[in-house]
Amino acid sequence: MELLTKRLKLIPFDRNDLDFLHQTFTDPFVRKYLWDDEIIPRELAQEILGTNHAHFEKSGWGLWKVILKESKEFIGFAGLWLFFEEQQPQLLYGLLQAFTGKGYATEASNAVVDYSFGLLGFHNLTASFDAGHQPSEKVCRRLGMKKIKEEVVNGKPTVFYRLDKS
């Protein structure tokens, strides 16, 4: 289930990727918005890898590691994940800071959107992020998503965007 773009290769995380995933989730830049600046334990990253594997096996979706085609460098992740007890997963991504501002988040997210609408047959896709997080809002807008609501979730103002299959 590899996804390819002009500059990127997206490969599902596997159980041997604990170091990649944990280092990314605990990176100060990534964890600020993904984990509310909490440093998660390796055991939680291991649990997420197991859940990710199960999601791919059962439903064909999960988190992909994002790799630059040319240099084969790991730069972050993109994919689909369940939040807020919803029935359908949301778009999610996180890049290491050195790789932001280059269009990689939009490129990887667009590949996930295409996969979601094409192979998975989704009719819409949502994304949510902390209110005021401009980079995530820009990615959503570049993907053609529209703001649908803003509400407080777990004590934090959260913005929701949605893209309908056209």
C-alpha atoms as a PDB file:
ATOM      1  CA  MET A   1       0.000   0.000   0.000  1.00  0.00           C
ATOM      2  CA  GLU A   2       2.723   2.441  -0.946  1.00  0.00           C
ATOM      3  CA  LEU A   3       1.647   5.875  -2.102  1.00  0.00           C
ATOM      4  CA  LEU A   4       3.884   7.747  -4.516  1.00  0.00           C
ATOM      5  CA  THR A   5       3.982  11.434  -5.356  1.00  0.00           C
ATOM      6  CA  LYS A   6       6.397  13.481  -7.417  1.00  0.00           C
ATOM      7  CA  ARG A   7       8.869  13.847  -4.526  1.00  0.00           C
ATOM      8  CA  LEU A   8       7.644  11.466  -1.841  1.00  0.00           C
ATOM      9  CA  LYS A   9       7.137   7.826  -1.049  1.00  0.00           C
ATOM     10  CA  LEU A  10       4.611   6.936   1.645  1.00  0.00           C
ATOM     11  CA  ILE A  11       5.040   3.488   3.194  1.00  0.00           C
ATOM     12  CA  PRO A  12       2.869   2.071   5.980  1.00  0.00           C
ATOM     13  CA  PHE A  13       4.665   1.966   9.317  1.00  0.00           C
ATOM     14  CA  ASP A  14       5.423  -1.569  10.377  1.00  0.00           C
ATOM     15  CA  ARG A  15       6.179  -3.071  13.756  1.00  0.00           C
ATOM     16  CA  ASN A  16       9.928  -2.523  13.235  1.00  0.00           C
ATOM     17  CA  ASP A  17       9.515   1.259  12.992  1.00  0.00           C
ATOM     18  CA  LEU A  18       9.240   1.947  16.709  1.00  0.00           C
ATOM     19  CA  ASP A  19      12.338   4.153  16.783  1.00  0.00           C
ATOM     20  CA  PHE A  20      11.176   6.254  13.795  1.00  0.00           C
ATOM     21  CA  LEU A  21       7.706   6.715  15.206  1.00  0.00           C
ATOM     22  CA  HIS A  22       8.724   7.417  18.798  1.00  0.00           C
ATOM     23  CA  GLN A  23      11.440   9.891  17.769  1.00  0.00           C
ATOM     24  CA  THR A  24       8.939  11.705  15.547  1.00  0.00           C
ATOM     25  CA  PHE A  25       6.180  11.780  18.183  1.00  0.00           C
ATOM     26  CA  THR A  26       8.605  13.091  20.816  1.00  0.00           C
ATOM     27  CA  ASP A  27      10.310  15.640  18.571  1.00  0.00           C
ATOM     28  CA  PRO A  28       9.670  19.073  20.184  1.00  0.00           C
ATOM     29  CA  PHE A  29       8.281  20.549  16.969  1.00  0.00           C
ATOM     30  CA  VAL A  30       5.899  17.654  16.271  1.00  0.00           C
ATOM     31  CA  ARG A  31       4.738  16.992  19.819  1.00  0.00           C
ATOM     32  CA  LYS A  32       3.807  20.626  20.419  1.00  0.00           C
ATOM     33  CA  TYR A  33       0.579  20.202  18.464  1.00  0.00           C
ATOM     34  CA  LEU A  34       0.210  16.448  18.196  1.00  0.00           C
ATOM     35  CA  TRP A  35       0.648  15.552  21.858  1.00  0.00           C
ATOM     36  CA  ASP A  36       0.085  18.935  23.530  1.00  0.00           C
ATOM     37  CA  ASP A  37       3.842  19.035  24.166  1.00  0.00           C
ATOM     38  CA  GLU A  38       3.793  15.810  26.198  1.00  0.00           C
ATOM     39  CA  ILE A  39       6.676  13.375  25.729  1.00  0.00           C
ATOM     40  CA  ILE A  40       4.910  10.073  25.209  1.00  0.00           C
ATOM     41  CA  PRO A  41       6.464   6.815  26.438  1.00  0.00           C
ATOM     42  CA  ARG A  42       7.861   4.253  23.986  1.00  0.00           C
ATOM     43  CA  GLU A  43       5.128   1.868  25.126  1.00  0.00           C
ATOM     44  CA  LEU A  44       2.454   4.204  23.750  1.00  0.00           C
ATOM     45  CA  ALA A  45       4.288   4.478  20.424  1.00  0.00           C
ATOM     46  CA  GLN A  46       4.508   0.663  20.374  1.00  0.00           C
ATOM     47  CA  GLU A  47       0.768   0.428  21.039  1.00  0.00           C
ATOM     48  CA  ILE A  48       0.084   2.887  18.208  1.00  0.00           C
ATOM     49  CA  LEU A  49       2.193   0.764  15.854  1.00  0.00           C
ATOM     50  CA  GLY A  50       0.127  -2.302  16.765  1.00  0.00           C
ATOM     51  CA  THR A  51      -3.117  -0.410  16.231  1.00  0.00           C
ATOM     52  CA  ASN A  52      -1.767   0.976  12.957  1.00  0.00           C
ATOM     53  CA  HIS A  53      -0.951  -2.528  11.721  1.00  0.00           C
ATOM     54  CA  ALA A  54      -4.456  -3.709  12.676  1.00  0.00           C
ATOM     55  CA  HIS A  55      -6.093  -0.770  10.855  1.00  0.00           C
ATOM     56  CA  PHE A  56      -4.167  -1.518   7.660  1.00  0.00           C
ATOM     57  CA  GLU A  57      -4.971  -5.238   7.888  1.00  0.00           C
ATOM     58  CA  LYS A  58      -8.672  -4.721   8.584  1.00  0.00           C
ATOM     59  CA  SER A  59      -9.560  -1.494   6.789  1.00  0.00           C
ATOM     60  CA  GLY A  60      -6.682  -0.566   4.449  1.00  0.00           C
ATOM     61  CA  TRP A  61      -5.753   2.677   6.180  1.00  0.00           C
ATOM     62  CA  GLY A  62      -3.455   4.002   8.890  1.00  0.00           C
ATOM     63  CA  LEU A  63      -0.282   6.049   9.152  1.00  0.00           C
ATOM     64  CA  TRP A  64       2.381   6.043   6.461  1.00  0.00           C
ATOM     65  CA  LYS A  65       5.971   7.107   7.020  1.00  0.00           C
ATOM     66  CA  VAL A  66       6.880   9.868   4.577  1.00  0.00           C
ATOM     67  CA  ILE A  67      10.218   9.474   2.797  1.00  0.00           C
ATOM     68  CA  LEU A  68      11.908  11.735   0.269  1.00  0.00           C
ATOM     69  CA  LYS A  69      12.284   9.751  -2.965  1.00  0.00           C
ATOM     70  CA  GLU A  70      15.602  11.298  -3.927  1.00  0.00           C
ATOM     71  CA  SER A  71      17.522  11.066  -0.637  1.00  0.00           C
ATOM     72  CA  LYS A  72      15.445   8.296   1.012  1.00  0.00           C
ATOM     73  CA  GLU A  73      15.289  10.464   4.151  1.00  0.00           C
ATOM     74  CA  PHE A  74      12.475   9.921   6.650  1.00  0.00           C
ATOM     75  CA  ILE A  75      10.717  13.286   7.104  1.00  0.00           C
ATOM     76  CA  GLY A  76       7.554  12.483   9.053  1.00  0.00           C
ATOM     77  CA  PHE A  77       4.210  10.767   8.676  1.00  0.00           C
ATOM     78  CA  ALA A  78       0.822  11.208   7.041  1.00  0.00           C
ATOM     79  CA  GLY A  79      -2.313   9.152   7.048  1.00  0.00           C
ATOM     80  CA  LEU A  80      -5.664   8.480   8.603  1.00  0.00           C
ATOM     81  CA  TRP A  81      -6.500   8.058  12.284  1.00  0.00           C
ATOM     82  CA  LEU A  82      -9.619   7.817  14.433  1.00  0.00           C
ATOM     83  CA  PHE A  83     -10.308  10.701  16.816  1.00  0.00           C
ATOM     84  CA  PHE A  84     -13.249  11.796  18.950  1.00  0.00           C
ATOM     85  CA  GLU A  85     -15.089   8.455  18.616  1.00  0.00           C
ATOM     86  CA  GLU A  86     -15.930   9.144  14.971  1.00  0.00           C
ATOM     87  CA  GLN A  87     -16.850   6.340  12.575  1.00  0.00           C
ATOM     88  CA  GLN A  88     -14.426   7.428   9.858  1.00  0.00           C
ATOM     89  CA  PRO A  89     -10.765   8.341  10.364  1.00  0.00           C
ATOM     90  CA  GLN A  90      -9.443  11.866   9.911  1.00  0.00           C
ATOM     91  CA  LEU A  91      -6.501  13.106   7.901  1.00  0.00           C
ATOM     92  CA  LEU A  92      -3.391  13.459  10.061  1.00  0.00           C
ATOM     93  CA  TYR A  93       0.192  14.437   9.329  1.00  0.00           C
ATOM     94  CA  GLY A  94       3.333  15.529  11.105  1.00  0.00           C
ATOM     95  CA  LEU A  95       6.668  16.575   9.658  1.00  0.00           C
ATOM     96  CA  LEU A  96      10.003  17.167  11.281  1.00  0.00           C
ATOM     97  CA  GLN A  97      10.684  20.914  11.376  1.00  0.00           C
ATOM     98  CA  ALA A  98      13.570  20.830   8.886  1.00  0.00           C
ATOM     99  CA  PHE A  99      11.134  19.632   6.217  1.00  0.00           C
ATOM    100  CA  THR A 100       8.334  22.142   6.736  1.00  0.00           C
ATOM    101  CA  GLY A 101       7.617  25.048   4.398  1.00  0.00           C
ATOM    102  CA  LYS A 102       8.507  23.022   1.293  1.00  0.00           C
ATOM    103  CA  GLY A 103       5.040  21.736   0.362  1.00  0.00           C
ATOM    104  CA  TYR A 104       5.690  18.192   1.608  1.00  0.00           C
ATOM    105  CA  ALA A 105       2.749  18.191   4.048  1.00  0.00           C
ATOM    106  CA  THR A 106       0.344  19.188   1.283  1.00  0.00           C
ATOM    107  CA  GLU A 107       1.863  16.697  -1.156  1.00  0.00           C
ATOM    108  CA  ALA A 108       1.687  13.796   1.294  1.00  0.00           C
ATOM    109  CA  SER A 109      -1.788  14.770   2.481  1.00  0.00           C
ATOM    110  CA  ASN A 110      -3.037  15.017  -1.089  1.00  0.00           C
ATOM    111  CA  ALA A 111      -1.849  11.443  -1.715  1.00  0.00           C
ATOM    112  CA  VAL A 112      -3.796  10.308   1.364  1.00  0.00           C
ATOM    113  CA  VAL A 113      -6.896  12.214   0.194  1.00  0.00           C
ATOM    114  CA  ASP A 114      -6.707  10.597  -3.261  1.00  0.00           C
ATOM    115  CA  TYR A 115      -6.284   7.165  -1.661  1.00  0.00           C
ATOM    116  CA  SER A 116      -9.219   7.814   0.684  1.00  0.00           C
ATOM    117  CA  PHE A 117     -11.595   8.869  -2.079  1.00  0.00           C
ATOM    118  CA  GLY A 118     -10.311   6.387  -4.665  1.00  0.00           C
ATOM    119  CA  LEU A 119      -9.441   3.074  -3.049  1.00  0.00           C
ATOM    120  CA  LEU A 120     -11.301   3.444   0.241  1.00  0.00           C
ATOM    121  CA  GLY A 121     -14.431   4.974  -1.289  1.00  0.00           C
ATOM    122  CA  PHE A 122     -14.804   7.754   1.276  1.00  0.00           C
ATOM    123  CA  HIS A 123     -17.351  10.437   0.374  1.00  0.00           C
ATOM    124  CA  ASN A 124     -15.684  13.066   2.562  1.00  0.00           C
ATOM    125  CA  LEU A 125     -12.652  13.527   4.748  1.00  0.00           C
ATOM    126  CA  THR A 126     -12.125  15.688   7.818  1.00  0.00           C
ATOM    127  CA  ALA A 127      -9.078  17.079   9.545  1.00  0.00           C
ATOM    128  CA  SER A 128      -8.831  18.814  12.902  1.00  0.00           C
ATOM    129  CA  PHE A 129      -6.124  20.824  14.596  1.00  0.00           C
ATOM    130  CA  ASP A 130      -5.512  23.241  17.436  1.00  0.00           C
ATOM    131  CA  ALA A 131      -7.124  26.610  16.780  1.00  0.00           C
ATOM    132  CA  GLY A 132      -4.535  29.112  15.635  1.00  0.00           C
ATOM    133  CA  HIS A 133      -2.178  26.549  14.083  1.00  0.00           C
ATOM    134  CA  GLN A 134      -1.658  28.414  10.800  1.00  0.00           C
ATOM    135  CA  PRO A 135       0.428  25.762   8.966  1.00  0.00           C
ATOM    136  CA  SER A 136      -2.286  23.102   9.385  1.00  0.00           C
ATOM    137  CA  GLU A 137      -4.954  25.548   8.291  1.00  0.00           C
ATOM    138  CA  LYS A 138      -2.926  26.376   5.157  1.00  0.00           C
ATOM    139  CA  VAL A 139      -2.535  22.682   4.292  1.00  0.00           C
ATOM    140  CA  CYS A 140      -6.279  22.127   4.671  1.00  0.00           C
ATOM    141  CA  ARG A 141      -7.066  25.100   2.440  1.00  0.00           C
ATOM    142  CA  ARG A 142      -4.546  23.967  -0.197  1.00  0.00           C
ATOM    143  CA  LEU A 143      -6.309  20.595  -0.249  1.00  0.00           C
ATOM    144  CA  GLY A 144      -9.610  22.365  -0.922  1.00  0.00           C
ATOM    145  CA  MET A 145     -11.028  21.697   2.536  1.00  0.00           C
ATOM    146  CA  LYS A 146     -13.553  24.070   4.091  1.00  0.00           C
ATOM    147  CA  LYS A 147     -13.863  25.013   7.747  1.00  0.00           C
ATOM    148  CA  ILE A 148     -16.963  23.364   9.206  1.00  0.00           C
ATOM    149  CA  LYS A 149     -16.747  24.127  12.918  1.00  0.00           C
ATOM    150  CA  GLU A 150     -14.674  25.185  15.867  1.00  0.00           C
ATOM    151  CA  GLU A 151     -15.268  23.696  19.309  1.00  0.00           C
ATOM    152  CA  VAL A 152     -13.483  22.992  22.558  1.00  0.00           C
ATOM    153  CA  VAL A 153     -12.204  19.412  22.699  1.00  0.00           C
ATOM    154  CA  ASN A 154     -10.409  18.170  25.811  1.00  0.00           C
ATOM    155  CA  GLY A 155     -10.162  21.770  27.006  1.00  0.00           C
ATOM    156  CA  LYS A 156      -8.537  23.061  23.789  1.00  0.00           C
ATOM    157  CA  PRO A 157     -10.099  25.119  21.002  1.00  0.00           C
ATOM    158  CA  THR A 158     -10.095  22.809  17.975  1.00  0.00           C
ATOM    159  CA  VAL A 159     -10.868  23.617  14.338  1.00  0.00           C
ATOM    160  CA  PHE A 160     -12.447  21.099  11.967  1.00  0.00           C
ATOM    161  CA  TYR A 161     -12.122  21.164   8.184  1.00  0.00           C
ATOM    162  CA  ARG A 162     -13.854  18.927   5.645  1.00  0.00           C
ATOM    163  CA  LEU A 163     -13.415  17.971   2.015  1.00  0.00           C
ATOM    164  CA  ASP A 164     -16.262  16.364   0.079  1.00  0.00           C
ATOM    165  CA  LYS A 165     -15.562  14.042  -2.806  1.00  0.00           C
ATOM    166  CA  SER A 166     -16.314  15.945  -5.972  1.00  0.00           C
END
